[in-house]
PDB file of all heavy atoms in Angstrom:
ATOM      1  N   MET A   1       0.884  -1.176  -0.002  1.00  0.00           N
ATOM      2  CA  MET A   1       0.003   0.022   0.009  1.00  0.00           C
ATOM      3  C   MET A   1       0.889   1.273  -0.017  1.00  0.00           C
ATOM      4  O   MET A   1       1.732   1.367   0.900  1.00  0.00           O
ATOM      5  CB  MET A   1      -0.872   0.011   1.212  1.00  0.00           C
ATOM      6  CG  MET A   1      -1.789  -1.198   1.278  1.00  0.00           C
ATOM      7  SD  MET A   1      -2.958  -1.386  -0.060  1.00  0.00           S
ATOM      8  CE  MET A   1      -4.131  -0.069   0.314  1.00  0.00           C
ATOM      9  N   ASN A   2       0.738   2.132  -0.957  1.00  0.00           N
ATOM     10  CA  ASN A   2       1.552   3.312  -1.147  1.00  0.00           C
ATOM     11  C   ASN A   2       0.702   4.422  -0.659  1.00  0.00           C
ATOM     12  O   ASN A   2      -0.414   4.798  -1.204  1.00  0.00           O
ATOM     13  CB  ASN A   2       1.953   3.514  -2.563  1.00  0.00           C
ATOM     14  CG  ASN A   2       2.760   2.240  -3.094  1.00  0.00           C
ATOM     15  OD1 ASN A   2       3.883   2.057  -2.711  1.00  0.00           O
ATOM     16  ND2 ASN A   2       2.049   1.378  -3.849  1.00  0.00           N
ATOM     17  N   ILE A   3       1.266   5.214   0.311  1.00  0.00           N
ATOM     18  CA  ILE A   3       0.478   6.277   0.975  1.00  0.00           C
ATOM     19  C   ILE A   3       1.113   7.647   0.822  1.00  0.00           C
ATOM     20  O   ILE A   3       2.363   7.759   1.116  1.00  0.00           O
ATOM     21  CB  ILE A   3       0.329   5.968   2.458  1.00  0.00           C
ATOM     22  CG1 ILE A   3      -0.369   4.536   2.637  1.00  0.00           C
ATOM     23  CG2 ILE A   3      -0.545   6.981   3.181  1.00  0.00           C
ATOM     24  CD1 ILE A   3      -0.297   4.009   4.058  1.00  0.00           C
ATOM     25  N   ARG A   4       0.341   8.634   0.431  1.00  0.00           N
ATOM     26  CA  ARG A   4       0.807  10.057   0.373  1.00  0.00           C
ATOM     27  C   ARG A   4      -0.060  10.824   1.306  1.00  0.00           C
ATOM     28  O   ARG A   4      -1.270  10.561   1.388  1.00  0.00           O
ATOM     29  CB  ARG A   4       0.704  10.647  -1.076  1.00  0.00           C
ATOM     30  CG  ARG A   4       1.616  10.045  -2.075  1.00  0.00           C
ATOM     31  CD  ARG A   4       1.376  10.678  -3.363  1.00  0.00           C
ATOM     32  NE  ARG A   4       2.228  10.265  -4.508  1.00  0.00           N
ATOM     33  CZ  ARG A   4       3.308  10.791  -4.909  1.00  0.00           C
ATOM     34  NH1 ARG A   4       3.601  12.003  -4.377  1.00  0.00           N
ATOM     35  NH2 ARG A   4       3.974  10.372  -5.978  1.00  0.00           N
ATOM     36  N   PHE A   5       0.508  11.828   1.952  1.00  0.00           N
ATOM     37  CA  PHE A   5      -0.253  12.632   2.882  1.00  0.00           C
ATOM     38  C   PHE A   5      -0.657  13.948   2.157  1.00  0.00           C
ATOM     39  O   PHE A   5      -0.331  15.109   2.546  1.00  0.00           O
ATOM     40  CB  PHE A   5       0.522  13.004   4.118  1.00  0.00           C
ATOM     41  CG  PHE A   5       0.864  11.729   4.877  1.00  0.00           C
ATOM     42  CD1 PHE A   5       2.038  11.119   4.793  1.00  0.00           C
ATOM     43  CD2 PHE A   5      -0.106  11.170   5.684  1.00  0.00           C
ATOM     44  CE1 PHE A   5       2.315   9.934   5.458  1.00  0.00           C
ATOM     45  CE2 PHE A   5       0.135  10.004   6.408  1.00  0.00           C
ATOM     46  CZ  PHE A   5       1.382   9.379   6.357  1.00  0.00           C
ATOM     47  N   ALA A   6      -1.477  13.744   1.062  1.00  0.00           N
ATOM     48  CA  ALA A   6      -2.031  14.786   0.223  1.00  0.00           C
ATOM     49  C   ALA A   6      -3.130  14.241  -0.604  1.00  0.00           C
ATOM     50  O   ALA A   6      -3.171  13.009  -0.895  1.00  0.00           O
ATOM     51  CB  ALA A   6      -0.877  15.470  -0.635  1.00  0.00           C
ATOM     52  N   GLN A   7      -3.921  15.132  -1.125  1.00  0.00           N
ATOM     53  CA  GLN A   7      -5.028  14.678  -2.047  1.00  0.00           C
ATOM     54  C   GLN A   7      -4.487  14.498  -3.436  1.00  0.00           C
ATOM     55  O   GLN A   7      -3.910  15.473  -4.037  1.00  0.00           O
ATOM     56  CB  GLN A   7      -6.205  15.614  -2.044  1.00  0.00           C
ATOM     57  CG  GLN A   7      -7.421  15.101  -2.749  1.00  0.00           C
ATOM     58  CD  GLN A   7      -8.660  15.859  -2.453  1.00  0.00           C
ATOM     59  OE1 GLN A   7      -8.545  17.012  -1.999  1.00  0.00           O
ATOM     60  NE2 GLN A   7      -9.832  15.339  -2.766  1.00  0.00           N
ATOM     61  N   THR A   8      -4.625  13.323  -4.019  1.00  0.00           N
ATOM     62  CA  THR A   8      -4.142  13.061  -5.442  1.00  0.00           C
ATOM     63  C   THR A   8      -5.192  12.366  -6.178  1.00  0.00           C
ATOM     64  O   THR A   8      -6.397  12.274  -5.769  1.00  0.00           O
ATOM     65  CB  THR A   8      -2.850  12.226  -5.328  1.00  0.00           C
ATOM     66  OG1 THR A   8      -3.176  10.900  -4.899  1.00  0.00           O
ATOM     67  CG2 THR A   8      -1.756  12.824  -4.426  1.00  0.00           C
ATOM     68  N   ASN A   9      -4.849  11.753  -7.343  1.00  0.00           N
ATOM     69  CA  ASN A   9      -5.742  10.977  -8.123  1.00  0.00           C
ATOM     70  C   ASN A   9      -5.728   9.551  -7.780  1.00  0.00           C
ATOM     71  O   ASN A   9      -6.260   8.673  -8.500  1.00  0.00           O
ATOM     72  CB  ASN A   9      -5.473  11.187  -9.609  1.00  0.00           C
ATOM     73  CG  ASN A   9      -5.859  12.503 -10.098  1.00  0.00           C
ATOM     74  OD1 ASN A   9      -6.783  13.182  -9.611  1.00  0.00           O
ATOM     75  ND2 ASN A   9      -5.168  12.995 -11.141  1.00  0.00           N
ATOM     76  N   ASP A  10      -5.011   9.162  -6.679  1.00  0.00           N
ATOM     77  CA  ASP A  10      -5.005   7.768  -6.279  1.00  0.00           C
ATOM     78  C   ASP A  10      -6.419   7.153  -6.062  1.00  0.00           C
ATOM     79  O   ASP A  10      -7.308   7.974  -5.789  1.00  0.00           O
ATOM     80  CB  ASP A  10      -4.161   7.580  -4.953  1.00  0.00           C
ATOM     81  CG  ASP A  10      -2.746   7.774  -5.209  1.00  0.00           C
ATOM     82  OD1 ASP A  10      -2.260   7.818  -6.377  1.00  0.00           O
ATOM     83  OD2 ASP A  10      -2.000   7.964  -4.200  1.00  0.00           O
ATOM     84  N   ILE A  11      -6.516   5.912  -6.209  1.00  0.00           N
ATOM     85  CA  ILE A  11      -7.875   5.305  -6.173  1.00  0.00           C
ATOM     86  C   ILE A  11      -8.569   5.565  -4.828  1.00  0.00           C
ATOM     87  O   ILE A  11      -9.809   5.637  -4.783  1.00  0.00           O
ATOM     88  CB  ILE A  11      -7.752   3.823  -6.488  1.00  0.00           C
ATOM     89  CG1 ILE A  11      -9.195   3.166  -6.730  1.00  0.00           C
ATOM     90  CG2 ILE A  11      -7.001   3.067  -5.432  1.00  0.00           C
ATOM     91  CD1 ILE A  11      -9.151   1.749  -7.197  1.00  0.00           C
ATOM     92  N   ILE A  12      -7.783   5.649  -3.741  1.00  0.00           N
ATOM     93  CA  ILE A  12      -8.385   6.026  -2.459  1.00  0.00           C
ATOM     94  C   ILE A  12      -7.734   7.394  -2.106  1.00  0.00           C
ATOM     95  O   ILE A  12      -6.572   7.457  -1.965  1.00  0.00           O
ATOM     96  CB  ILE A  12      -7.995   4.967  -1.397  1.00  0.00           C
ATOM     97  CG1 ILE A  12      -8.480   3.563  -1.772  1.00  0.00           C
ATOM     98  CG2 ILE A  12      -8.613   5.333  -0.037  1.00  0.00           C
ATOM     99  CD1 ILE A  12      -7.983   2.468  -0.866  1.00  0.00           C
ATOM    100  N   SER A  13      -8.602   8.377  -1.978  1.00  0.00           N
ATOM    101  CA  SER A  13      -8.040   9.726  -1.737  1.00  0.00           C
ATOM    102  C   SER A  13      -9.007  10.540  -0.981  1.00  0.00           C
ATOM    103  O   SER A  13     -10.297  10.541  -1.142  1.00  0.00           O
ATOM    104  CB  SER A  13      -7.773  10.402  -3.126  1.00  0.00           C
ATOM    105  OG  SER A  13      -7.142  11.663  -2.907  1.00  0.00           O
ATOM    106  N   SER A  14      -8.437  11.302  -0.028  1.00  0.00           N
ATOM    107  CA  SER A  14      -9.289  12.301   0.728  1.00  0.00           C
ATOM    108  C   SER A  14      -8.361  13.591   0.807  1.00  0.00           C
ATOM    109  O   SER A  14      -7.318  13.633   0.288  1.00  0.00           O
ATOM    110  CB  SER A  14      -9.508  11.805   2.168  1.00  0.00           C
ATOM    111  OG  SER A  14      -8.322  11.720   2.893  1.00  0.00           O
ATOM    112  N   SER A  15      -8.849  14.542   1.542  1.00  0.00           N
ATOM    113  CA  SER A  15      -8.148  15.861   1.593  1.00  0.00           C
ATOM    114  C   SER A  15      -6.780  15.697   2.351  1.00  0.00           C
ATOM    115  O   SER A  15      -5.932  16.595   2.199  1.00  0.00           O
ATOM    116  CB  SER A  15      -8.981  16.864   2.282  1.00  0.00           C
ATOM    117  OG  SER A  15      -9.310  16.460   3.625  1.00  0.00           O
ATOM    118  N   SER A  16      -6.604  14.647   3.153  1.00  0.00           N
ATOM    119  CA  SER A  16      -5.390  14.527   3.946  1.00  0.00           C
ATOM    120  C   SER A  16      -4.464  13.337   3.542  1.00  0.00           C
ATOM    121  O   SER A  16      -3.320  13.368   3.876  1.00  0.00           O
ATOM    122  CB  SER A  16      -5.749  14.403   5.428  1.00  0.00           C
ATOM    123  OG  SER A  16      -6.673  13.302   5.646  1.00  0.00           O
ATOM    124  N   VAL A  17      -5.036  12.272   2.907  1.00  0.00           N
ATOM    125  CA  VAL A  17      -4.264  11.171   2.631  1.00  0.00           C
ATOM    126  C   VAL A  17      -4.758  10.484   1.328  1.00  0.00           C
ATOM    127  O   VAL A  17      -5.980  10.515   1.023  1.00  0.00           O
ATOM    128  CB  VAL A  17      -4.251  10.126   3.794  1.00  0.00           C
ATOM    129  CG1 VAL A  17      -5.704   9.595   4.031  1.00  0.00           C
ATOM    130  CG2 VAL A  17      -3.308   9.001   3.565  1.00  0.00           C
ATOM    131  N   SER A  18      -3.827   9.897   0.580  1.00  0.00           N
ATOM    132  CA  SER A  18      -4.203   9.184  -0.623  1.00  0.00           C
ATOM    133  C   SER A  18      -3.437   7.807  -0.640  1.00  0.00           C
ATOM    134  O   SER A  18      -2.269   7.730  -0.168  1.00  0.00           O
ATOM    135  CB  SER A  18      -3.804   9.985  -1.892  1.00  0.00           C
ATOM    136  OG  SER A  18      -4.517  11.198  -1.927  1.00  0.00           O
ATOM    137  N   ILE A  19      -4.140   6.780  -1.077  1.00  0.00           N
ATOM    138  CA  ILE A  19      -3.594   5.396  -1.078  1.00  0.00           C
ATOM    139  C   ILE A  19      -3.769   4.758  -2.402  1.00  0.00           C
ATOM    140  O   ILE A  19      -4.862   4.850  -2.939  1.00  0.00           O
ATOM    141  CB  ILE A  19      -4.255   4.597   0.074  1.00  0.00           C
ATOM    142  CG1 ILE A  19      -4.023   5.275   1.443  1.00  0.00           C
ATOM    143  CG2 ILE A  19      -3.597   3.180   0.134  1.00  0.00           C
ATOM    144  CD1 ILE A  19      -4.836   4.618   2.562  1.00  0.00           C
ATOM    145  N   THR A  20      -2.756   4.042  -2.892  1.00  0.00           N
ATOM    146  CA  THR A  20      -2.904   3.192  -4.007  1.00  0.00           C
ATOM    147  C   THR A  20      -2.169   1.899  -3.783  1.00  0.00           C
ATOM    148  O   THR A  20      -1.126   1.861  -3.317  1.00  0.00           O
ATOM    149  CB  THR A  20      -2.407   3.877  -5.318  1.00  0.00           C
ATOM    150  OG1 THR A  20      -2.619   3.046  -6.476  1.00  0.00           O
ATOM    151  CG2 THR A  20      -0.928   4.103  -5.227  1.00  0.00           C
ATOM    152  N   PRO A  21      -2.865   0.764  -4.132  1.00  0.00           N
ATOM    153  CA  PRO A  21      -2.187  -0.512  -3.869  1.00  0.00           C
ATOM    154  C   PRO A  21      -1.343  -0.985  -5.097  1.00  0.00           C
ATOM    155  O   PRO A  21      -1.504  -0.447  -6.173  1.00  0.00           O
ATOM    156  CB  PRO A  21      -3.394  -1.450  -3.692  1.00  0.00           C
ATOM    157  CG  PRO A  21      -4.437  -0.913  -4.526  1.00  0.00           C
ATOM    158  CD  PRO A  21      -4.259   0.625  -4.578  1.00  0.00           C
ATOM    159  N   SER A  22      -0.502  -2.009  -4.772  1.00  0.00           N
ATOM    160  CA  SER A  22       0.207  -2.640  -5.863  1.00  0.00           C
ATOM    161  C   SER A  22       0.414  -4.102  -5.477  1.00  0.00           C
ATOM    162  O   SER A  22       0.592  -4.471  -4.330  1.00  0.00           O
ATOM    163  CB  SER A  22       1.613  -1.929  -6.085  1.00  0.00           C
ATOM    164  OG  SER A  22       2.377  -1.910  -4.922  1.00  0.00           O
ATOM    165  N   LEU A  23       0.493  -4.950  -6.505  1.00  0.00           N
ATOM    166  CA  LEU A  23       0.627  -6.411  -6.343  1.00  0.00           C
ATOM    167  C   LEU A  23       1.693  -6.893  -7.203  1.00  0.00           C
ATOM    168  O   LEU A  23       1.766  -6.579  -8.419  1.00  0.00           O
ATOM    169  CB  LEU A  23      -0.770  -7.101  -6.675  1.00  0.00           C
ATOM    170  CG  LEU A  23      -0.680  -8.650  -6.731  1.00  0.00           C
ATOM    171  CD1 LEU A  23      -0.385  -9.215  -5.424  1.00  0.00           C
ATOM    172  CD2 LEU A  23      -1.919  -9.238  -7.334  1.00  0.00           C
ATOM    173  N   GLY A  24       2.654  -7.677  -6.642  1.00  0.00           N
ATOM    174  CA  GLY A  24       3.737  -8.254  -7.441  1.00  0.00           C
ATOM    175  C   GLY A  24       3.823  -9.759  -7.261  1.00  0.00           C
ATOM    176  O   GLY A  24       3.633 -10.276  -6.164  1.00  0.00           O
ATOM    177  N   LEU A  25       4.130 -10.473  -8.343  1.00  0.00           N
ATOM    178  CA  LEU A  25       4.282 -11.904  -8.313  1.00  0.00           C
ATOM    179  C   LEU A  25       5.629 -12.302  -9.039  1.00  0.00           C
ATOM    180  O   LEU A  25       6.046 -11.641 -10.016  1.00  0.00           O
ATOM    181  CB  LEU A  25       3.127 -12.573  -9.016  1.00  0.00           C
ATOM    182  CG  LEU A  25       1.805 -12.298  -8.579  1.00  0.00           C
ATOM    183  CD1 LEU A  25       0.754 -12.913  -9.466  1.00  0.00           C
ATOM    184  CD2 LEU A  25       1.522 -12.812  -7.116  1.00  0.00           C
ATOM    185  N   GLN A  26       6.292 -13.311  -8.453  1.00  0.00           N
ATOM    186  CA  GLN A  26       7.567 -13.736  -9.117  1.00  0.00           C
ATOM    187  C   GLN A  26       7.610 -15.305  -9.004  1.00  0.00           C
ATOM    188  O   GLN A  26       7.480 -15.835  -7.902  1.00  0.00           O
ATOM    189  CB  GLN A  26       8.752 -13.164  -8.371  1.00  0.00           C
ATOM    190  CG  GLN A  26      10.117 -13.701  -8.902  1.00  0.00           C
ATOM    191  CD  GLN A  26      11.262 -13.102  -8.178  1.00  0.00           C
ATOM    192  OE1 GLN A  26      11.808 -12.031  -8.538  1.00  0.00           O
ATOM    193  NE2 GLN A  26      11.806 -13.772  -7.168  1.00  0.00           N
ATOM    194  N   PHE A  27       7.844 -15.906 -10.151  1.00  0.00           N
ATOM    195  CA  PHE A  27       8.048 -17.356 -10.265  1.00  0.00           C
ATOM    196  C   PHE A  27       9.503 -17.582 -10.535  1.00  0.00           C
ATOM    197  O   PHE A  27      10.041 -17.033 -11.501  1.00  0.00           O
ATOM    198  CB  PHE A  27       7.150 -17.943 -11.298  1.00  0.00           C
ATOM    199  CG  PHE A  27       7.496 -19.383 -11.593  1.00  0.00           C
ATOM    200  CD1 PHE A  27       7.003 -20.405 -10.752  1.00  0.00           C
ATOM    201  CD2 PHE A  27       8.257 -19.745 -12.690  1.00  0.00           C
ATOM    202  CE1 PHE A  27       7.276 -21.733 -10.957  1.00  0.00           C
ATOM    203  CE2 PHE A  27       8.553 -21.120 -12.879  1.00  0.00           C
ATOM    204  CZ  PHE A  27       8.031 -22.072 -12.122  1.00  0.00           C
ATOM    205  N   GLY A  28      10.162 -18.419  -9.771  1.00  0.00           N
ATOM    206  CA  GLY A  28      11.615 -18.720  -9.972  1.00  0.00           C
ATOM    207  C   GLY A  28      11.882 -20.199 -10.135  1.00  0.00           C
ATOM    208  O   GLY A  28      11.182 -21.079  -9.555  1.00  0.00           O
ATOM    209  N   TYR A  29      12.881 -20.509 -10.940  1.00  0.00           N
ATOM    210  CA  TYR A  29      13.307 -21.872 -11.142  1.00  0.00           C
ATOM    211  C   TYR A  29      14.778 -22.026 -10.928  1.00  0.00           C
ATOM    212  O   TYR A  29      15.589 -21.295 -11.498  1.00  0.00           O
ATOM    213  CB  TYR A  29      12.999 -22.304 -12.639  1.00  0.00           C
ATOM    214  CG  TYR A  29      13.482 -23.699 -13.003  1.00  0.00           C
ATOM    215  CD1 TYR A  29      12.993 -24.844 -12.353  1.00  0.00           C
ATOM    216  CD2 TYR A  29      14.577 -23.827 -13.920  1.00  0.00           C
ATOM    217  CE1 TYR A  29      13.504 -26.090 -12.707  1.00  0.00           C
ATOM    218  CE2 TYR A  29      15.092 -25.075 -14.217  1.00  0.00           C
ATOM    219  CZ  TYR A  29      14.509 -26.184 -13.586  1.00  0.00           C
ATOM    220  OH  TYR A  29      15.017 -27.424 -13.933  1.00  0.00           O
ATOM    221  N   ILE A  30      15.131 -22.866  -9.894  1.00  0.00           N
ATOM    222  CA  ILE A  30      16.451 -23.149  -9.424  1.00  0.00           C
ATOM    223  C   ILE A  30      17.312 -21.849  -9.165  1.00  0.00           C
ATOM    224  O   ILE A  30      18.490 -21.844  -9.493  1.00  0.00           O
ATOM    225  CB  ILE A  30      17.220 -24.114 -10.293  1.00  0.00           C
ATOM    226  CG1 ILE A  30      17.341 -23.569 -11.742  1.00  0.00           C
ATOM    227  CG2 ILE A  30      16.540 -25.461 -10.345  1.00  0.00           C
ATOM    228  CD1 ILE A  30      18.243 -24.468 -12.658  1.00  0.00           C
ATOM    229  N   ASP A  31      16.632 -20.787  -8.767  1.00  0.00           N
ATOM    230  CA  ASP A  31      17.268 -19.537  -8.495  1.00  0.00           C
ATOM    231  C   ASP A  31      18.116 -19.061  -9.696  1.00  0.00           C
ATOM    232  O   ASP A  31      19.126 -18.394  -9.519  1.00  0.00           O
ATOM    233  CB  ASP A  31      18.182 -19.627  -7.327  1.00  0.00           C
ATOM    234  CG  ASP A  31      17.371 -19.729  -5.979  1.00  0.00           C
ATOM    235  OD1 ASP A  31      16.265 -19.251  -5.994  1.00  0.00           O
ATOM    236  OD2 ASP A  31      17.928 -20.386  -5.082  1.00  0.00           O
ATOM    237  N   MET A  32      17.632 -19.375 -10.914  1.00  0.00           N
ATOM    238  CA  MET A  32      18.367 -19.023 -12.144  1.00  0.00           C
ATOM    239  C   MET A  32      17.446 -18.247 -13.073  1.00  0.00           C
ATOM    240  O   MET A  32      17.862 -17.160 -13.660  1.00  0.00           O
ATOM    241  CB  MET A  32      18.922 -20.241 -12.851  1.00  0.00           C
ATOM    242  CG  MET A  32      19.575 -19.915 -14.167  1.00  0.00           C
ATOM    243  SD  MET A  32      20.168 -21.392 -15.037  1.00  0.00           S
ATOM    244  CE  MET A  32      21.483 -21.918 -13.926  1.00  0.00           C
ATOM    245  N   ILE A  33      16.210 -18.694 -13.231  1.00  0.00           N
ATOM    246  CA  ILE A  33      15.281 -18.029 -14.161  1.00  0.00           C
ATOM    247  C   ILE A  33      14.113 -17.491 -13.388  1.00  0.00           C
ATOM    248  O   ILE A  33      13.513 -18.194 -12.538  1.00  0.00           O
ATOM    249  CB  ILE A  33      14.823 -19.027 -15.287  1.00  0.00           C
ATOM    250  CG1 ILE A  33      16.012 -19.520 -16.061  1.00  0.00           C
ATOM    251  CG2 ILE A  33      13.790 -18.414 -16.217  1.00  0.00           C
ATOM    252  CD1 ILE A  33      15.718 -20.659 -17.019  1.00  0.00           C
ATOM    253  N   TYR A  34      13.645 -16.306 -13.694  1.00  0.00           N
ATOM    254  CA  TYR A  34      12.564 -15.623 -13.026  1.00  0.00           C
ATOM    255  C   TYR A  34      11.574 -15.082 -14.024  1.00  0.00           C
ATOM    256  O   TYR A  34      11.971 -14.459 -14.986  1.00  0.00           O
ATOM    257  CB  TYR A  34      13.063 -14.520 -12.131  1.00  0.00           C
ATOM    258  CG  TYR A  34      14.033 -14.945 -11.049  1.00  0.00           C
ATOM    259  CD1 TYR A  34      15.439 -14.897 -11.305  1.00  0.00           C
ATOM    260  CD2 TYR A  34      13.635 -15.438  -9.867  1.00  0.00           C
ATOM    261  CE1 TYR A  34      16.331 -15.280 -10.358  1.00  0.00           C
ATOM    262  CE2 TYR A  34      14.493 -15.909  -8.849  1.00  0.00           C
ATOM    263  CZ  TYR A  34      15.885 -15.756  -9.126  1.00  0.00           C
ATOM    264  OH  TYR A  34      16.754 -16.212  -8.186  1.00  0.00           O
ATOM    265  N   LEU A  35      10.308 -15.279 -13.702  1.00  0.00           N
ATOM    266  CA  LEU A  35       9.242 -14.634 -14.475  1.00  0.00           C
ATOM    267  C   LEU A  35       8.426 -13.786 -13.563  1.00  0.00           C
ATOM    268  O   LEU A  35       8.092 -14.238 -12.487  1.00  0.00           O
ATOM    269  CB  LEU A  35       8.345 -15.652 -15.169  1.00  0.00           C
ATOM    270  CG  LEU A  35       8.975 -16.649 -16.169  1.00  0.00           C
ATOM    271  CD1 LEU A  35       7.971 -17.691 -16.577  1.00  0.00           C
ATOM    272  CD2 LEU A  35       9.567 -15.850 -17.311  1.00  0.00           C
ATOM    273  N   ARG A  36       8.112 -12.534 -13.862  1.00  0.00           N
ATOM    274  CA  ARG A  36       7.484 -11.608 -12.975  1.00  0.00           C
ATOM    275  C   ARG A  36       6.273 -10.934 -13.593  1.00  0.00           C
ATOM    276  O   ARG A  36       6.232 -10.701 -14.828  1.00  0.00           O
ATOM    277  CB  ARG A  36       8.511 -10.531 -12.524  1.00  0.00           C
ATOM    278  CG  ARG A  36       9.821 -11.118 -11.894  1.00  0.00           C
ATOM    279  CD  ARG A  36      10.658  -9.990 -11.449  1.00  0.00           C
ATOM    280  NE  ARG A  36      11.925 -10.520 -10.837  1.00  0.00           N
ATOM    281  CZ  ARG A  36      13.097 -10.594 -11.529  1.00  0.00           C
ATOM    282  NH1 ARG A  36      13.175 -10.168 -12.808  1.00  0.00           N
ATOM    283  NH2 ARG A  36      14.166 -11.184 -10.903  1.00  0.00           N
ATOM    284  N   GLY A  37       5.369 -10.488 -12.776  1.00  0.00           N
ATOM    285  CA  GLY A  37       4.202  -9.770 -13.212  1.00  0.00           C
ATOM    286  C   GLY A  37       3.729  -8.862 -12.016  1.00  0.00           C
ATOM    287  O   GLY A  37       3.940  -9.240 -10.845  1.00  0.00           O
ATOM    288  N   GLY A  38       3.076  -7.841 -12.306  1.00  0.00           N
ATOM    289  CA  GLY A  38       2.561  -6.931 -11.315  1.00  0.00           C
ATOM    290  C   GLY A  38       1.591  -5.926 -11.865  1.00  0.00           C
ATOM    291  O   GLY A  38       1.565  -5.699 -13.055  1.00  0.00           O
ATOM    292  N   VAL A  39       0.876  -5.308 -10.944  1.00  0.00           N
ATOM    293  CA  VAL A  39      -0.089  -4.256 -11.344  1.00  0.00           C
ATOM    294  C   VAL A  39      -0.123  -3.232 -10.165  1.00  0.00           C
ATOM    295  O   VAL A  39      -0.135  -3.633  -9.022  1.00  0.00           O
ATOM    296  CB  VAL A  39      -1.495  -4.858 -11.609  1.00  0.00           C
ATOM    297  CG1 VAL A  39      -2.060  -5.572 -10.441  1.00  0.00           C
ATOM    298  CG2 VAL A  39      -2.413  -3.760 -12.132  1.00  0.00           C
ATOM    299  N   GLY A  40      -0.135  -2.033 -10.536  1.00  0.00           N
ATOM    300  CA  GLY A  40      -0.182  -0.942  -9.536  1.00  0.00           C
ATOM    301  C   GLY A  40      -0.548   0.421 -10.164  1.00  0.00           C
ATOM    302  O   GLY A  40      -1.031   0.430 -11.251  1.00  0.00           O
ATOM    303  N   ASN A  41      -0.236   1.427  -9.432  1.00  0.00           N
ATOM    304  CA  ASN A  41      -0.545   2.862  -9.855  1.00  0.00           C
ATOM    305  C   ASN A  41      -2.008   2.978 -10.255  1.00  0.00           C
ATOM    306  O   ASN A  41      -2.324   3.514 -11.326  1.00  0.00           O
ATOM    307  CB  ASN A  41       0.416   3.169 -11.105  1.00  0.00           C
ATOM    308  CG  ASN A  41       0.383   4.693 -11.314  1.00  0.00           C
ATOM    309  OD1 ASN A  41       0.141   5.494 -10.456  1.00  0.00           O
ATOM    310  ND2 ASN A  41       0.648   5.037 -12.546  1.00  0.00           N
ATOM    311  N   PHE A  42      -2.915   2.502  -9.365  1.00  0.00           N
ATOM    312  CA  PHE A  42      -4.316   2.694  -9.655  1.00  0.00           C
ATOM    313  C   PHE A  42      -4.727   4.156  -9.472  1.00  0.00           C
ATOM    314  O   PHE A  42      -4.541   4.747  -8.392  1.00  0.00           O
ATOM    315  CB  PHE A  42      -5.166   1.825  -8.682  1.00  0.00           C
ATOM    316  CG  PHE A  42      -4.979   0.343  -8.968  1.00  0.00           C
ATOM    317  CD1 PHE A  42      -3.970  -0.385  -8.482  1.00  0.00           C
ATOM    318  CD2 PHE A  42      -5.906  -0.271  -9.799  1.00  0.00           C
ATOM    319  CE1 PHE A  42      -3.823  -1.754  -8.722  1.00  0.00           C
ATOM    320  CE2 PHE A  42      -5.801  -1.646 -10.053  1.00  0.00           C
ATOM    321  CZ  PHE A  42      -4.750  -2.363  -9.494  1.00  0.00           C
ATOM    322  N   GLN A  43      -5.253   4.728 -10.541  1.00  0.00           N
ATOM    323  CA  GLN A  43      -5.560   6.207 -10.543  1.00  0.00           C
ATOM    324  C   GLN A  43      -6.957   6.415 -11.030  1.00  0.00           C
ATOM    325  O   GLN A  43      -7.490   5.753 -11.958  1.00  0.00           O
ATOM    326  CB  GLN A  43      -4.595   6.945 -11.439  1.00  0.00           C
ATOM    327  CG  GLN A  43      -3.137   6.825 -11.032  1.00  0.00           C
ATOM    328  CD  GLN A  43      -2.767   7.662  -9.868  1.00  0.00           C
ATOM    329  OE1 GLN A  43      -2.933   8.873  -9.897  1.00  0.00           O
ATOM    330  NE2 GLN A  43      -2.326   7.064  -8.779  1.00  0.00           N
ATOM    331  N   ASN A  44      -7.588   7.455 -10.495  1.00  0.00           N
ATOM    332  CA  ASN A  44      -8.894   7.939 -11.012  1.00  0.00           C
ATOM    333  C   ASN A  44      -8.591   8.945 -12.175  1.00  0.00           C
ATOM    334  O   ASN A  44      -7.918   9.922 -12.014  1.00  0.00           O
ATOM    335  CB  ASN A  44      -9.696   8.650  -9.915  1.00  0.00           C
ATOM    336  CG  ASN A  44     -10.125   7.724  -8.815  1.00  0.00           C
ATOM    337  OD1 ASN A  44     -10.723   6.644  -9.089  1.00  0.00           O
ATOM    338  ND2 ASN A  44      -9.910   8.126  -7.588  1.00  0.00           N
ATOM    339  N   ILE A  45      -9.107   8.556 -13.331  1.00  0.00           N
ATOM    340  CA  ILE A  45      -8.753   9.309 -14.553  1.00  0.00           C
ATOM    341  C   ILE A  45     -10.082   9.867 -15.169  1.00  0.00           C
ATOM    342  O   ILE A  45     -11.067   9.103 -15.349  1.00  0.00           O
ATOM    343  CB  ILE A  45      -8.023   8.429 -15.576  1.00  0.00           C
ATOM    344  CG1 ILE A  45      -6.756   7.874 -15.011  1.00  0.00           C
ATOM    345  CG2 ILE A  45      -7.801   9.210 -16.923  1.00  0.00           C
ATOM    346  CD1 ILE A  45      -6.101   6.875 -15.913  1.00  0.00           C
ATOM    347  N   GLN A  46     -10.022  11.137 -15.511  1.00  0.00           N
ATOM    348  CA  GLN A  46     -11.220  11.724 -16.163  1.00  0.00           C
ATOM    349  C   GLN A  46     -11.036  11.670 -17.696  1.00  0.00           C
ATOM    350  O   GLN A  46      -9.963  12.198 -18.234  1.00  0.00           O
ATOM    351  CB  GLN A  46     -11.390  13.166 -15.742  1.00  0.00           C
ATOM    352  CG  GLN A  46     -12.660  13.832 -16.296  1.00  0.00           C
ATOM    353  CD  GLN A  46     -12.870  15.225 -15.728  1.00  0.00           C
ATOM    354  OE1 GLN A  46     -12.067  16.103 -16.005  1.00  0.00           O
ATOM    355  NE2 GLN A  46     -14.015  15.425 -15.017  1.00  0.00           N
TER     356      GLN A  46
END
């Protein structure tokens, strides 16, 4: 959870705090090969 103490376009936002989540996944094989995926920066967009 990424938190700013200001009102922004984050998906959760008030006059004093704004929050946007992020999710990350990593699959590894013998600590040699890694595949990764993630999603974040959720914003309210007009």
